[in-house]
């Protein structure tokens, strides 16, 4: 039993050392965004009410979401869905931008005040650039 405890403690120590050795300075901007999305996904798994996620629904830019440039990543799908759709409509309801996004894929979009962002088919994490 003592051996098992020692082995488990040794493995935990080894994994914690590996986790501390993430070289952020050597990562590209895209790799840093991927890492941040991965962290948001883990936070979402532990706390689905996280502030970094948008669920399937309609969001008013300027009210629910600030205007600006965003990176969206699909982190969860509703049952029987293979990808989500992200739609940006102007104040007249006209489509400004529409894209299908696969699970894990990142998509860049700019949204302006008065527009409406529609997420359908799952959950996205987002980063404001």
N, C-alpha and C. Protein backbone atom coordinates (compact mmCIF):
# COMPACT_ATOMS: atom_id res chain seq x y z
N UNK A 1 0.82 -1.19 0.00
CA UNK A 1 0.00 0.00 0.00
C UNK A 1 0.87 1.26 0.00
N UNK A 2 1.97 1.23 0.78
CA UNK A 2 2.85 2.38 0.83
C UNK A 2 3.48 2.65 -0.54
N UNK A 3 3.78 1.57 -1.28
CA UNK A 3 4.35 1.74 -2.62
C UNK A 3 3.38 2.44 -3.55
N UNK A 4 2.13 2.05 -3.48
CA UNK A 4 1.11 2.65 -4.34
C UNK A 4 0.98 4.14 -4.03
N UNK A 5 0.95 4.47 -2.75
CA UNK A 5 0.85 5.88 -2.35
C UNK A 5 2.07 6.66 -2.83
N UNK A 6 3.25 6.07 -2.69
CA UNK A 6 4.48 6.73 -3.15
C UNK A 6 4.47 6.94 -4.66
N UNK A 7 4.00 5.94 -5.40
CA UNK A 7 3.95 6.06 -6.86
C UNK A 7 2.96 7.15 -7.26
N UNK A 8 1.81 7.18 -6.64
CA UNK A 8 0.81 8.20 -6.94
C UNK A 8 1.36 9.59 -6.64
N UNK A 9 2.00 9.74 -5.49
CA UNK A 9 2.59 11.04 -5.14
C UNK A 9 3.68 11.44 -6.12
N UNK A 10 4.49 10.47 -6.54
CA UNK A 10 5.54 10.75 -7.52
C UNK A 10 4.94 11.20 -8.84
N UNK A 11 3.89 10.52 -9.31
CA UNK A 11 3.24 10.91 -10.56
C UNK A 11 2.60 12.29 -10.45
N UNK A 12 1.97 12.57 -9.33
CA UNK A 12 1.38 13.90 -9.15
C UNK A 12 2.44 14.99 -9.17
N UNK A 13 3.56 14.73 -8.52
CA UNK A 13 4.67 15.69 -8.52
C UNK A 13 5.20 15.91 -9.93
N UNK A 14 5.35 14.81 -10.68
CA UNK A 14 5.85 14.89 -12.06
C UNK A 14 4.90 15.71 -12.93
N UNK A 15 3.59 15.43 -12.84
CA UNK A 15 2.63 16.16 -13.65
C UNK A 15 2.56 17.64 -13.28
N UNK A 16 2.69 17.94 -11.99
CA UNK A 16 2.66 19.36 -11.59
C UNK A 16 3.90 20.09 -12.11
N UNK A 17 5.05 19.41 -12.16
CA UNK A 17 6.25 20.03 -12.72
C UNK A 17 6.09 20.29 -14.21
N UNK A 18 5.48 19.35 -14.92
CA UNK A 18 5.27 19.53 -16.36
C UNK A 18 4.32 20.69 -16.62
N UNK A 19 3.28 20.81 -15.81
CA UNK A 19 2.31 21.89 -15.99
C UNK A 19 2.93 23.25 -15.74
N UNK A 20 3.91 23.34 -14.85
CA UNK A 20 4.55 24.62 -14.55
C UNK A 20 5.51 25.06 -15.64
N UNK A 21 5.83 24.18 -16.57
CA UNK A 21 6.84 24.48 -17.58
C UNK A 21 6.25 24.92 -18.92
N UNK A 22 5.08 25.49 -18.92
CA UNK A 22 4.49 26.00 -20.16
C UNK A 22 5.25 27.27 -20.53
N UNK A 23 5.86 27.27 -21.68
CA UNK A 23 6.66 28.40 -22.14
C UNK A 23 5.77 29.35 -22.96
N UNK A 24 5.14 30.29 -22.31
CA UNK A 24 4.24 31.21 -23.00
C UNK A 24 4.98 32.11 -23.97
N UNK A 25 6.21 32.47 -23.64
CA UNK A 25 6.97 33.38 -24.51
C UNK A 25 7.28 32.78 -25.87
N UNK A 26 7.36 31.46 -25.94
CA UNK A 26 7.69 30.82 -27.21
C UNK A 26 6.46 30.50 -28.05
N UNK A 27 5.26 30.77 -27.51
CA UNK A 27 4.03 30.44 -28.23
C UNK A 27 3.60 31.58 -29.14
N UNK A 28 3.04 31.21 -30.29
CA UNK A 28 2.51 32.20 -31.22
C UNK A 28 1.19 32.75 -30.66
N UNK A 29 0.72 33.85 -31.24
CA UNK A 29 -0.54 34.43 -30.81
C UNK A 29 -1.68 33.42 -30.96
N UNK A 30 -1.69 32.70 -32.07
CA UNK A 30 -2.74 31.69 -32.30
C UNK A 30 -2.67 30.59 -31.24
N UNK A 31 -1.46 30.13 -30.88
CA UNK A 31 -1.31 29.11 -29.85
C UNK A 31 -1.78 29.61 -28.49
N UNK A 32 -1.52 30.88 -28.20
CA UNK A 32 -1.99 31.46 -26.95
C UNK A 32 -3.51 31.52 -26.90
N UNK A 33 -4.15 31.89 -28.04
CA UNK A 33 -5.60 31.89 -28.10
C UNK A 33 -6.15 30.47 -27.91
N UNK A 34 -5.51 29.48 -28.55
CA UNK A 34 -5.94 28.09 -28.38
C UNK A 34 -5.84 27.67 -26.92
N UNK A 35 -4.75 28.04 -26.26
CA UNK A 35 -4.57 27.71 -24.85
C UNK A 35 -5.66 28.37 -24.01
N UNK A 36 -5.94 29.65 -24.29
CA UNK A 36 -6.97 30.35 -23.53
C UNK A 36 -8.34 29.72 -23.74
N UNK A 37 -8.65 29.33 -24.98
CA UNK A 37 -9.92 28.64 -25.24
C UNK A 37 -9.97 27.31 -24.50
N UNK A 38 -8.85 26.59 -24.45
CA UNK A 38 -8.81 25.32 -23.73
C UNK A 38 -9.08 25.52 -22.25
N UNK A 39 -8.54 26.60 -21.69
CA UNK A 39 -8.79 26.93 -20.29
C UNK A 39 -10.26 27.27 -20.09
N UNK A 40 -10.84 28.06 -21.00
CA UNK A 40 -12.27 28.40 -20.90
C UNK A 40 -13.13 27.15 -20.99
N UNK A 41 -12.75 26.21 -21.86
CA UNK A 41 -13.52 24.98 -21.99
C UNK A 41 -13.49 24.19 -20.68
N UNK A 42 -12.35 24.11 -20.04
CA UNK A 42 -12.24 23.40 -18.76
C UNK A 42 -13.07 24.12 -17.69
N UNK A 43 -13.02 25.44 -17.69
CA UNK A 43 -13.84 26.20 -16.73
C UNK A 43 -15.31 25.91 -16.98
N UNK A 44 -15.72 25.87 -18.26
CA UNK A 44 -17.11 25.57 -18.62
C UNK A 44 -17.50 24.18 -18.13
N UNK A 45 -16.59 23.20 -18.26
CA UNK A 45 -16.89 21.84 -17.81
C UNK A 45 -17.11 21.81 -16.30
N UNK A 46 -16.37 22.64 -15.56
CA UNK A 46 -16.53 22.68 -14.11
C UNK A 46 -17.65 23.61 -13.68
N UNK A 47 -17.89 24.67 -14.45
CA UNK A 47 -18.89 25.67 -14.10
C UNK A 47 -19.61 26.14 -15.37
N UNK A 48 -20.69 25.45 -15.76
CA UNK A 48 -21.40 25.81 -17.00
C UNK A 48 -21.94 27.23 -17.04
N UNK A 49 -22.00 27.93 -15.93
CA UNK A 49 -22.49 29.31 -15.94
C UNK A 49 -21.35 30.31 -16.09
N UNK A 50 -20.21 29.85 -16.58
CA UNK A 50 -19.02 30.69 -16.75
C UNK A 50 -19.33 31.90 -17.62
N UNK A 51 -18.66 33.01 -17.33
CA UNK A 51 -18.89 34.25 -18.07
C UNK A 51 -18.24 34.26 -19.45
N UNK A 52 -17.44 33.26 -19.80
CA UNK A 52 -16.74 33.24 -21.08
C UNK A 52 -17.44 32.39 -22.12
N UNK A 53 -18.68 32.03 -21.88
CA UNK A 53 -19.39 31.20 -22.85
C UNK A 53 -20.70 31.86 -23.25
N UNK A 54 -21.10 31.55 -24.47
CA UNK A 54 -22.42 31.95 -24.97
C UNK A 54 -23.16 30.67 -25.35
N UNK A 55 -24.37 30.56 -24.86
CA UNK A 55 -25.20 29.41 -25.16
C UNK A 55 -26.04 29.68 -26.40
N UNK A 56 -26.66 28.64 -26.89
CA UNK A 56 -27.57 28.78 -28.01
C UNK A 56 -28.58 29.87 -27.66
N UNK A 57 -28.71 30.86 -28.55
CA UNK A 57 -29.64 31.95 -28.28
C UNK A 57 -29.30 33.19 -29.08
N UNK A 58 -29.98 34.27 -28.77
CA UNK A 58 -29.84 35.54 -29.46
C UNK A 58 -29.29 36.58 -28.49
N UNK A 59 -28.26 37.32 -28.94
CA UNK A 59 -27.59 38.30 -28.09
C UNK A 59 -27.57 39.65 -28.79
N UNK A 60 -27.95 40.71 -28.08
CA UNK A 60 -27.93 42.06 -28.62
C UNK A 60 -26.56 42.68 -28.36
N UNK A 61 -25.92 43.14 -29.45
CA UNK A 61 -24.61 43.76 -29.32
C UNK A 61 -24.82 45.17 -28.78
N UNK A 62 -24.08 45.51 -27.75
CA UNK A 62 -24.24 46.78 -27.06
C UNK A 62 -25.02 46.61 -25.77
N UNK A 63 -25.74 45.49 -25.65
CA UNK A 63 -26.50 45.22 -24.43
C UNK A 63 -26.00 43.93 -23.77
N UNK A 64 -26.06 42.81 -24.49
CA UNK A 64 -25.62 41.52 -23.95
C UNK A 64 -24.13 41.29 -24.18
N UNK A 65 -23.60 41.92 -25.19
CA UNK A 65 -22.21 41.71 -25.62
C UNK A 65 -21.67 43.03 -26.13
N UNK A 66 -20.45 43.37 -25.74
CA UNK A 66 -19.85 44.62 -26.21
C UNK A 66 -19.49 44.53 -27.68
N UNK A 67 -19.55 45.65 -28.37
CA UNK A 67 -19.11 45.70 -29.77
C UNK A 67 -17.61 45.45 -29.81
N UNK A 68 -17.16 44.86 -30.90
CA UNK A 68 -15.72 44.62 -31.05
C UNK A 68 -15.44 43.37 -31.86
N UNK A 69 -14.16 43.00 -31.87
CA UNK A 69 -13.72 41.80 -32.59
C UNK A 69 -13.62 40.66 -31.59
N UNK A 70 -14.12 39.49 -32.00
CA UNK A 70 -14.13 38.33 -31.13
C UNK A 70 -13.59 37.10 -31.85
N UNK A 71 -13.05 36.21 -31.06
CA UNK A 71 -12.73 34.86 -31.50
C UNK A 71 -13.72 33.94 -30.79
N UNK A 72 -14.49 33.18 -31.56
CA UNK A 72 -15.45 32.24 -31.01
C UNK A 72 -14.95 30.83 -31.27
N UNK A 73 -15.09 29.95 -30.28
CA UNK A 73 -14.72 28.55 -30.48
C UNK A 73 -15.88 27.69 -30.00
N UNK A 74 -16.28 26.76 -30.84
CA UNK A 74 -17.34 25.82 -30.48
C UNK A 74 -16.78 24.84 -29.45
N UNK A 75 -17.36 24.82 -28.24
CA UNK A 75 -16.86 23.94 -27.19
C UNK A 75 -17.86 22.85 -26.80
N UNK A 76 -19.10 22.95 -27.28
CA UNK A 76 -20.09 21.91 -26.97
C UNK A 76 -21.21 21.99 -28.00
N UNK A 77 -21.78 20.85 -28.30
CA UNK A 77 -22.86 20.77 -29.29
C UNK A 77 -24.13 20.27 -28.62
N UNK A 78 -25.29 20.71 -29.12
CA UNK A 78 -26.55 20.15 -28.65
C UNK A 78 -26.68 18.75 -29.26
N UNK A 79 -27.49 17.88 -28.64
CA UNK A 79 -27.65 16.53 -29.20
C UNK A 79 -28.09 16.57 -30.66
N UNK A 80 -27.58 15.64 -31.44
CA UNK A 80 -27.90 15.50 -32.87
C UNK A 80 -27.42 16.67 -33.71
N UNK A 81 -26.45 17.43 -33.22
CA UNK A 81 -25.87 18.54 -33.97
C UNK A 81 -24.42 18.23 -34.26
N UNK A 82 -23.98 18.50 -35.50
CA UNK A 82 -22.59 18.22 -35.85
C UNK A 82 -21.73 19.48 -35.87
N UNK A 83 -22.37 20.64 -35.90
CA UNK A 83 -21.65 21.92 -35.85
C UNK A 83 -22.64 23.01 -35.48
N UNK A 84 -22.11 24.15 -35.05
CA UNK A 84 -22.99 25.26 -34.69
C UNK A 84 -23.01 26.28 -35.82
N UNK A 85 -23.96 27.18 -35.75
CA UNK A 85 -23.96 28.31 -36.68
C UNK A 85 -23.88 29.59 -35.86
N UNK A 86 -23.12 30.53 -36.40
CA UNK A 86 -23.00 31.86 -35.80
C UNK A 86 -23.48 32.85 -36.86
N UNK A 87 -24.51 33.61 -36.51
CA UNK A 87 -25.08 34.56 -37.46
C UNK A 87 -25.07 35.95 -36.84
N UNK A 88 -24.66 36.92 -37.62
CA UNK A 88 -24.64 38.32 -37.20
C UNK A 88 -25.61 39.07 -38.10
N UNK A 89 -26.63 39.68 -37.51
CA UNK A 89 -27.64 40.44 -38.26
C UNK A 89 -27.58 41.92 -37.87
N UNK A 90 -27.84 42.78 -38.86
CA UNK A 90 -27.87 44.21 -38.56
C UNK A 90 -29.22 44.59 -37.95
N UNK A 91 -29.41 45.86 -37.66
CA UNK A 91 -30.63 46.32 -36.99
C UNK A 91 -31.89 46.13 -37.83
N UNK A 92 -31.72 45.96 -39.17
CA UNK A 92 -32.87 45.70 -40.04
C UNK A 92 -33.14 44.20 -40.21
N UNK A 93 -32.34 43.35 -39.55
CA UNK A 93 -32.52 41.91 -39.65
C UNK A 93 -31.77 41.27 -40.80
N UNK A 94 -31.04 42.07 -41.56
CA UNK A 94 -30.27 41.54 -42.69
C UNK A 94 -29.02 40.83 -42.19
N UNK A 95 -28.67 39.70 -42.82
CA UNK A 95 -27.49 38.95 -42.41
C UNK A 95 -26.23 39.71 -42.82
N UNK A 96 -25.38 40.00 -41.85
CA UNK A 96 -24.10 40.65 -42.09
C UNK A 96 -23.03 39.59 -42.31
N UNK A 97 -23.10 38.54 -41.49
CA UNK A 97 -22.11 37.47 -41.56
C UNK A 97 -22.74 36.19 -41.01
N UNK A 98 -22.42 35.05 -41.64
CA UNK A 98 -22.96 33.76 -41.21
C UNK A 98 -21.88 32.71 -41.41
N UNK A 99 -21.71 31.85 -40.42
CA UNK A 99 -20.68 30.81 -40.55
C UNK A 99 -21.06 29.57 -39.74
N UNK A 100 -20.77 28.39 -40.32
CA UNK A 100 -20.86 27.14 -39.58
C UNK A 100 -19.52 26.89 -38.93
N UNK A 101 -19.52 26.44 -37.68
CA UNK A 101 -18.28 26.20 -36.94
C UNK A 101 -18.32 24.80 -36.35
N UNK A 102 -17.30 24.01 -36.66
CA UNK A 102 -17.19 22.65 -36.13
C UNK A 102 -16.70 22.66 -34.69
N UNK A 103 -16.93 21.57 -33.99
CA UNK A 103 -16.46 21.43 -32.62
C UNK A 103 -14.96 21.64 -32.56
N UNK A 104 -14.52 22.56 -31.71
CA UNK A 104 -13.11 22.87 -31.55
C UNK A 104 -12.59 23.94 -32.49
N UNK A 105 -13.33 24.25 -33.54
CA UNK A 105 -12.90 25.26 -34.51
C UNK A 105 -13.06 26.67 -33.95
N UNK A 106 -12.14 27.55 -34.35
CA UNK A 106 -12.17 28.95 -33.92
C UNK A 106 -12.59 29.82 -35.10
N UNK A 107 -13.45 30.80 -34.84
CA UNK A 107 -13.92 31.71 -35.89
C UNK A 107 -13.82 33.15 -35.41
N UNK A 108 -13.33 34.03 -36.27
CA UNK A 108 -13.16 35.45 -35.97
C UNK A 108 -14.34 36.23 -36.54
N UNK A 109 -14.91 37.13 -35.73
CA UNK A 109 -16.04 37.94 -36.20
C UNK A 109 -16.01 39.30 -35.50
N UNK A 110 -16.38 40.32 -36.26
CA UNK A 110 -16.54 41.67 -35.70
C UNK A 110 -18.03 41.95 -35.59
N UNK A 111 -18.44 42.47 -34.42
CA UNK A 111 -19.84 42.82 -34.20
C UNK A 111 -19.91 44.28 -33.76
N UNK A 112 -20.96 44.97 -34.19
CA UNK A 112 -21.13 46.40 -33.90
C UNK A 112 -22.41 46.62 -33.11
N UNK A 113 -22.45 47.74 -32.40
CA UNK A 113 -23.65 48.10 -31.64
C UNK A 113 -24.88 48.06 -32.55
N UNK A 114 -25.98 47.56 -32.01
CA UNK A 114 -27.23 47.49 -32.75
C UNK A 114 -27.40 46.19 -33.53
N UNK A 115 -26.33 45.41 -33.66
CA UNK A 115 -26.43 44.14 -34.37
C UNK A 115 -26.90 43.05 -33.40
N UNK A 116 -27.29 41.93 -33.97
CA UNK A 116 -27.74 40.79 -33.19
C UNK A 116 -26.89 39.59 -33.54
N UNK A 117 -26.37 38.91 -32.53
CA UNK A 117 -25.57 37.71 -32.71
C UNK A 117 -26.43 36.52 -32.34
N UNK A 118 -26.52 35.53 -33.23
CA UNK A 118 -27.35 34.35 -32.99
C UNK A 118 -26.44 33.12 -32.99
N UNK A 119 -26.46 32.39 -31.88
CA UNK A 119 -25.71 31.15 -31.74
C UNK A 119 -26.74 30.02 -31.81
N UNK A 120 -26.53 29.04 -32.69
CA UNK A 120 -27.47 27.94 -32.83
C UNK A 120 -26.72 26.61 -32.89
N UNK A 121 -27.14 25.66 -32.07
CA UNK A 121 -26.59 24.32 -32.15
C UNK A 121 -25.57 23.95 -31.10
N UNK A 122 -25.28 24.86 -30.17
CA UNK A 122 -24.29 24.51 -29.16
C UNK A 122 -23.82 25.69 -28.33
N UNK A 123 -22.62 25.55 -27.80
CA UNK A 123 -22.03 26.53 -26.89
C UNK A 123 -20.70 26.98 -27.46
N UNK A 124 -20.43 28.28 -27.37
CA UNK A 124 -19.12 28.80 -27.80
C UNK A 124 -18.45 29.50 -26.62
N UNK A 125 -17.12 29.38 -26.58
CA UNK A 125 -16.36 30.26 -25.69
C UNK A 125 -15.94 31.44 -26.56
N UNK A 126 -15.72 32.59 -25.93
CA UNK A 126 -15.34 33.75 -26.74
C UNK A 126 -14.25 34.54 -26.05
N UNK A 127 -13.45 35.17 -26.90
CA UNK A 127 -12.38 36.06 -26.46
C UNK A 127 -12.53 37.35 -27.21
N UNK A 128 -12.51 38.46 -26.51
CA UNK A 128 -12.55 39.77 -27.17
C UNK A 128 -11.13 40.16 -27.50
N UNK A 129 -10.89 40.55 -28.74
CA UNK A 129 -9.54 40.93 -29.16
C UNK A 129 -9.31 42.39 -28.93
